[in-house]
Amino acid sequence: MPRPIDRSKPANALVIADETVYFNNTPGVWRRITASCPYSDGLYVTLTNEMTLPPGVLNQVRRQPLKLYQDHYRPTEVSLQFIRWLRSMLLRATCYREAMALLRPLMEKHP
């Protein structure tokens, strides 16, 4: 069942369809939002039970995690490498003075 789309809001510019959907084996009402991708010819189809927010807002929220992941992937990978290195160094049989001498330059470099 189609739902009205407020085309005066800029957030709804990419929305192609906003529909109310009912499933046989699922209680409640669902909402299917179809929107075009701003960067390619692809389509985003969002299935949600949120009925109050505008479809453009839900479409942007759905696309945001992918952008956040792409923007912050590298620092996360570097921090995981550091944790692996630290774990391997902690499991080595090294005296405390030697370990601190190895860690001190790293700690000064990354305050």
N, C-alpha and C. Protein backbone atom coordinates (compact mmCIF):
# COMPACT_ATOMS: atom_id res chain seq x y z
N MET A 1 0.84 -1.17 0.00
CA MET A 1 0.00 0.00 0.00
C MET A 1 0.90 1.24 0.00
N PRO A 2 0.84 2.08 -1.01
CA PRO A 2 1.72 3.26 -1.08
C PRO A 2 1.42 4.27 0.02
N ARG A 3 2.48 4.92 0.46
CA ARG A 3 2.37 5.99 1.46
C ARG A 3 2.75 7.30 0.79
N PRO A 4 2.20 8.43 1.25
CA PRO A 4 2.54 9.72 0.64
C PRO A 4 3.97 10.13 0.96
N ILE A 5 4.64 10.76 0.00
CA ILE A 5 6.01 11.25 0.17
C ILE A 5 5.99 12.76 0.03
N ASP A 6 6.51 13.45 1.02
CA ASP A 6 6.57 14.91 0.99
C ASP A 6 7.78 15.34 0.16
N ARG A 7 7.58 15.69 -1.08
CA ARG A 7 8.66 16.05 -2.01
C ARG A 7 9.25 17.44 -1.72
N SER A 8 8.62 18.20 -0.83
CA SER A 8 9.16 19.52 -0.51
C SER A 8 10.38 19.42 0.41
N LYS A 9 10.57 18.27 1.08
CA LYS A 9 11.71 18.08 1.97
C LYS A 9 12.89 17.55 1.16
N PRO A 10 14.07 18.18 1.28
CA PRO A 10 15.24 17.73 0.51
C PRO A 10 15.68 16.31 0.84
N ALA A 11 15.43 15.86 2.06
CA ALA A 11 15.84 14.50 2.45
C ALA A 11 15.11 13.44 1.64
N ASN A 12 13.93 13.76 1.13
CA ASN A 12 13.14 12.80 0.37
C ASN A 12 13.44 12.82 -1.13
N ALA A 13 14.45 13.54 -1.55
CA ALA A 13 14.73 13.69 -2.98
C ALA A 13 15.09 12.37 -3.65
N LEU A 14 15.76 11.47 -2.96
CA LEU A 14 16.18 10.21 -3.55
C LEU A 14 15.15 9.08 -3.40
N VAL A 15 14.09 9.33 -2.65
CA VAL A 15 13.09 8.30 -2.38
C VAL A 15 12.23 8.07 -3.62
N ILE A 16 12.14 6.81 -4.03
CA ILE A 16 11.33 6.44 -5.18
C ILE A 16 9.95 5.97 -4.73
N ALA A 17 9.91 5.16 -3.67
CA ALA A 17 8.63 4.63 -3.18
C ALA A 17 8.68 4.44 -1.67
N ASP A 18 7.56 4.64 -1.04
CA ASP A 18 7.38 4.41 0.40
C ASP A 18 6.08 3.63 0.54
N GLU A 19 6.18 2.39 1.02
CA GLU A 19 5.01 1.51 1.04
C GLU A 19 4.81 0.86 2.40
N THR A 20 3.57 0.62 2.75
CA THR A 20 3.23 -0.19 3.91
C THR A 20 3.08 -1.63 3.44
N VAL A 21 3.74 -2.56 4.17
CA VAL A 21 3.78 -3.96 3.74
C VAL A 21 3.29 -4.84 4.88
N TYR A 22 2.51 -5.85 4.54
CA TYR A 22 2.02 -6.83 5.50
C TYR A 22 2.56 -8.21 5.11
N PHE A 23 3.04 -8.98 6.10
CA PHE A 23 3.51 -10.34 5.84
C PHE A 23 2.58 -11.33 6.53
N ASN A 24 2.44 -12.51 5.95
CA ASN A 24 1.54 -13.53 6.51
C ASN A 24 1.99 -14.04 7.86
N ASN A 25 3.28 -14.31 8.03
CA ASN A 25 3.77 -14.94 9.25
C ASN A 25 4.34 -13.97 10.27
N THR A 26 4.23 -12.69 10.04
CA THR A 26 4.80 -11.69 10.93
C THR A 26 3.70 -10.77 11.44
N PRO A 27 3.61 -10.63 12.77
CA PRO A 27 2.60 -9.70 13.29
C PRO A 27 3.04 -8.26 13.08
N GLY A 28 2.10 -7.40 12.90
CA GLY A 28 2.40 -5.99 12.77
C GLY A 28 2.54 -5.52 11.34
N VAL A 29 2.84 -4.25 11.22
CA VAL A 29 2.92 -3.59 9.93
C VAL A 29 4.39 -3.26 9.67
N TRP A 30 4.81 -3.40 8.42
CA TRP A 30 6.17 -3.09 8.02
C TRP A 30 6.15 -1.98 6.97
N ARG A 31 7.30 -1.38 6.77
CA ARG A 31 7.43 -0.28 5.82
C ARG A 31 8.61 -0.58 4.90
N ARG A 32 8.38 -0.50 3.60
CA ARG A 32 9.44 -0.71 2.61
C ARG A 32 9.70 0.61 1.89
N ILE A 33 10.95 1.07 1.98
CA ILE A 33 11.35 2.32 1.35
C ILE A 33 12.35 1.99 0.25
N THR A 34 12.05 2.42 -0.95
CA THR A 34 12.95 2.24 -2.09
C THR A 34 13.52 3.60 -2.46
N ALA A 35 14.85 3.67 -2.50
CA ALA A 35 15.52 4.95 -2.81
C ALA A 35 16.68 4.70 -3.76
N SER A 36 16.99 5.69 -4.56
CA SER A 36 18.12 5.57 -5.48
C SER A 36 19.41 5.94 -4.75
N CYS A 37 20.50 5.36 -5.23
CA CYS A 37 21.82 5.63 -4.67
C CYS A 37 22.35 6.94 -5.27
N PRO A 38 22.87 7.86 -4.45
CA PRO A 38 23.36 9.12 -5.00
C PRO A 38 24.69 8.99 -5.76
N TYR A 39 25.38 7.86 -5.60
CA TYR A 39 26.71 7.70 -6.19
C TYR A 39 26.75 6.75 -7.37
N SER A 40 25.68 5.98 -7.56
CA SER A 40 25.67 5.02 -8.67
C SER A 40 24.23 4.83 -9.15
N ASP A 41 24.02 3.86 -10.03
CA ASP A 41 22.67 3.57 -10.52
C ASP A 41 21.93 2.58 -9.63
N GLY A 42 22.50 2.24 -8.49
CA GLY A 42 21.91 1.24 -7.60
C GLY A 42 20.69 1.75 -6.85
N LEU A 43 20.01 0.81 -6.22
CA LEU A 43 18.83 1.12 -5.41
C LEU A 43 19.05 0.62 -3.98
N TYR A 44 18.53 1.35 -3.02
CA TYR A 44 18.49 0.91 -1.64
C TYR A 44 17.05 0.56 -1.31
N VAL A 45 16.85 -0.63 -0.74
CA VAL A 45 15.54 -1.02 -0.27
C VAL A 45 15.65 -1.24 1.23
N THR A 46 14.91 -0.47 2.01
CA THR A 46 14.95 -0.54 3.46
C THR A 46 13.63 -1.11 3.96
N LEU A 47 13.72 -2.11 4.81
CA LEU A 47 12.53 -2.71 5.43
C LEU A 47 12.60 -2.40 6.92
N THR A 48 11.60 -1.73 7.44
CA THR A 48 11.62 -1.30 8.83
C THR A 48 10.20 -1.32 9.40
N ASN A 49 10.12 -1.27 10.74
CA ASN A 49 8.81 -1.13 11.37
C ASN A 49 8.63 0.27 11.95
N GLU A 50 9.54 1.18 11.62
CA GLU A 50 9.44 2.59 12.03
C GLU A 50 8.48 3.30 11.08
N MET A 51 7.38 3.82 11.63
CA MET A 51 6.34 4.41 10.79
C MET A 51 6.23 5.93 10.89
N THR A 52 6.97 6.56 11.81
CA THR A 52 6.76 7.99 12.03
C THR A 52 7.78 8.88 11.33
N LEU A 53 9.01 8.42 11.13
CA LEU A 53 10.03 9.26 10.50
C LEU A 53 9.82 9.35 8.99
N PRO A 54 10.25 10.45 8.37
CA PRO A 54 10.14 10.58 6.91
C PRO A 54 11.01 9.53 6.21
N PRO A 55 10.62 9.08 5.03
CA PRO A 55 11.37 8.03 4.35
C PRO A 55 12.79 8.44 3.98
N GLY A 56 13.01 9.70 3.67
CA GLY A 56 14.35 10.16 3.33
C GLY A 56 15.32 10.08 4.51
N VAL A 57 14.82 10.35 5.70
CA VAL A 57 15.65 10.26 6.91
C VAL A 57 16.05 8.81 7.16
N LEU A 58 15.11 7.89 7.05
CA LEU A 58 15.42 6.48 7.25
C LEU A 58 16.40 5.97 6.19
N ASN A 59 16.28 6.46 4.98
CA ASN A 59 17.20 6.08 3.92
C ASN A 59 18.61 6.57 4.24
N GLN A 60 18.75 7.80 4.70
CA GLN A 60 20.06 8.34 5.05
C GLN A 60 20.67 7.60 6.24
N VAL A 61 19.86 7.26 7.22
CA VAL A 61 20.35 6.51 8.38
C VAL A 61 20.85 5.14 7.96
N ARG A 62 20.17 4.53 7.02
CA ARG A 62 20.57 3.20 6.54
C ARG A 62 21.91 3.28 5.81
N ARG A 63 22.14 4.33 5.04
CA ARG A 63 23.38 4.46 4.28
C ARG A 63 24.54 4.95 5.14
N GLN A 64 24.28 5.61 6.24
CA GLN A 64 25.33 6.22 7.07
C GLN A 64 26.32 5.21 7.65
N PRO A 65 25.92 4.06 8.17
CA PRO A 65 26.92 3.13 8.73
C PRO A 65 27.98 2.73 7.72
N LEU A 66 27.62 2.54 6.46
CA LEU A 66 28.60 2.18 5.43
C LEU A 66 29.62 3.29 5.27
N LYS A 67 29.19 4.53 5.24
CA LYS A 67 30.11 5.66 5.10
C LYS A 67 31.00 5.77 6.33
N LEU A 68 30.44 5.60 7.53
CA LEU A 68 31.24 5.67 8.74
C LEU A 68 32.29 4.57 8.75
N TYR A 69 31.91 3.37 8.32
CA TYR A 69 32.85 2.26 8.27
C TYR A 69 33.98 2.56 7.31
N GLN A 70 33.68 3.10 6.16
CA GLN A 70 34.72 3.41 5.18
C GLN A 70 35.63 4.52 5.67
N ASP A 71 35.09 5.51 6.38
CA ASP A 71 35.89 6.63 6.87
C ASP A 71 36.82 6.23 8.01
N HIS A 72 36.41 5.28 8.84
CA HIS A 72 37.15 4.95 10.06
C HIS A 72 37.76 3.56 10.04
N TYR A 73 37.83 2.93 8.90
CA TYR A 73 38.36 1.57 8.85
C TYR A 73 39.85 1.53 9.17
N ARG A 74 40.62 2.42 8.60
CA ARG A 74 42.08 2.37 8.75
C ARG A 74 42.53 2.53 10.21
N PRO A 75 42.08 3.54 10.96
CA PRO A 75 42.50 3.63 12.36
C PRO A 75 42.13 2.39 13.17
N THR A 76 41.00 1.79 12.88
CA THR A 76 40.60 0.59 13.60
C THR A 76 41.56 -0.54 13.30
N GLU A 77 41.94 -0.69 12.05
CA GLU A 77 42.88 -1.76 11.68
C GLU A 77 44.23 -1.54 12.36
N VAL A 78 44.69 -0.29 12.41
CA VAL A 78 45.97 0.01 13.05
C VAL A 78 45.90 -0.30 14.54
N SER A 79 44.78 0.06 15.19
CA SER A 79 44.66 -0.22 16.62
C SER A 79 44.61 -1.72 16.89
N LEU A 80 43.96 -2.48 16.00
CA LEU A 80 43.96 -3.94 16.18
C LEU A 80 45.36 -4.51 16.02
N GLN A 81 46.13 -3.99 15.10
CA GLN A 81 47.51 -4.44 14.94
C GLN A 81 48.32 -4.15 16.20
N PHE A 82 48.11 -2.98 16.78
CA PHE A 82 48.83 -2.63 18.01
C PHE A 82 48.43 -3.56 19.14
N ILE A 83 47.16 -3.88 19.27
CA ILE A 83 46.71 -4.78 20.33
C ILE A 83 47.31 -6.17 20.15
N ARG A 84 47.36 -6.66 18.91
CA ARG A 84 47.99 -7.96 18.65
C ARG A 84 49.47 -7.93 19.02
N TRP A 85 50.15 -6.85 18.63
CA TRP A 85 51.57 -6.73 18.94
C TRP A 85 51.77 -6.68 20.45
N LEU A 86 50.96 -5.89 21.15
CA LEU A 86 51.08 -5.77 22.60
C LEU A 86 50.84 -7.11 23.28
N ARG A 87 49.82 -7.85 22.83
CA ARG A 87 49.53 -9.15 23.40
C ARG A 87 50.70 -10.12 23.21
N SER A 88 51.28 -10.12 22.01
CA SER A 88 52.41 -11.02 21.76
C SER A 88 53.63 -10.61 22.60
N MET A 89 53.81 -9.30 22.81
CA MET A 89 54.94 -8.86 23.63
C MET A 89 54.72 -9.19 25.11
N LEU A 90 53.48 -9.15 25.55
CA LEU A 90 53.20 -9.47 26.95
C LEU A 90 53.39 -10.96 27.24
N LEU A 91 53.18 -11.80 26.25
CA LEU A 91 53.34 -13.24 26.45
C LEU A 91 54.79 -13.69 26.34
N ARG A 92 55.65 -12.82 25.85
CA ARG A 92 57.08 -13.15 25.78
C ARG A 92 57.70 -13.12 27.16
N ALA A 93 58.67 -13.96 27.35
CA ALA A 93 59.41 -13.95 28.62
C ALA A 93 60.45 -12.84 28.56
N THR A 94 60.12 -11.67 29.07
CA THR A 94 60.99 -10.51 29.05
C THR A 94 60.98 -9.87 30.43
N CYS A 95 62.13 -9.42 30.87
CA CYS A 95 62.13 -8.77 32.17
C CYS A 95 61.45 -7.40 32.07
N TYR A 96 61.03 -6.89 33.20
CA TYR A 96 60.26 -5.64 33.25
C TYR A 96 61.05 -4.47 32.67
N ARG A 97 62.33 -4.35 33.02
CA ARG A 97 63.15 -3.23 32.53
C ARG A 97 63.27 -3.24 31.01
N GLU A 98 63.48 -4.41 30.45
CA GLU A 98 63.60 -4.51 28.99
C GLU A 98 62.28 -4.16 28.31
N ALA A 99 61.18 -4.64 28.89
CA ALA A 99 59.86 -4.35 28.31
C ALA A 99 59.58 -2.86 28.35
N MET A 100 59.87 -2.20 29.46
CA MET A 100 59.63 -0.77 29.57
C MET A 100 60.54 0.02 28.62
N ALA A 101 61.76 -0.46 28.45
CA ALA A 101 62.68 0.22 27.52
C ALA A 101 62.16 0.13 26.09
N LEU A 102 61.52 -1.00 25.75
CA LEU A 102 60.94 -1.14 24.41
C LEU A 102 59.67 -0.32 24.24
N LEU A 103 58.87 -0.21 25.30
CA LEU A 103 57.59 0.50 25.21
C LEU A 103 57.73 2.02 25.34
N ARG A 104 58.75 2.49 26.05
CA ARG A 104 58.88 3.92 26.30
C ARG A 104 58.91 4.76 25.02
N PRO A 105 59.70 4.40 23.99
CA PRO A 105 59.67 5.22 22.76
C PRO A 105 58.29 5.24 22.09
N LEU A 106 57.58 4.13 22.16
CA LEU A 106 56.25 4.09 21.57
C LEU A 106 55.27 4.97 22.34
N MET A 107 55.38 4.95 23.64
CA MET A 107 54.47 5.75 24.47
C MET A 107 54.75 7.24 24.28
N GLU A 108 56.02 7.62 24.08
CA GLU A 108 56.35 9.03 23.85
C GLU A 108 55.89 9.48 22.47
N LYS A 109 55.93 8.55 21.52
CA LYS A 109 55.54 8.87 20.16
C LYS A 109 54.02 9.05 20.02
N HIS A 110 53.25 8.28 20.79
CA HIS A 110 51.78 8.33 20.75
C HIS A 110 51.25 8.67 22.13
N PRO A 111 51.20 9.96 22.48
CA PRO A 111 50.75 10.33 23.84
C PRO A 111 49.30 10.06 24.10
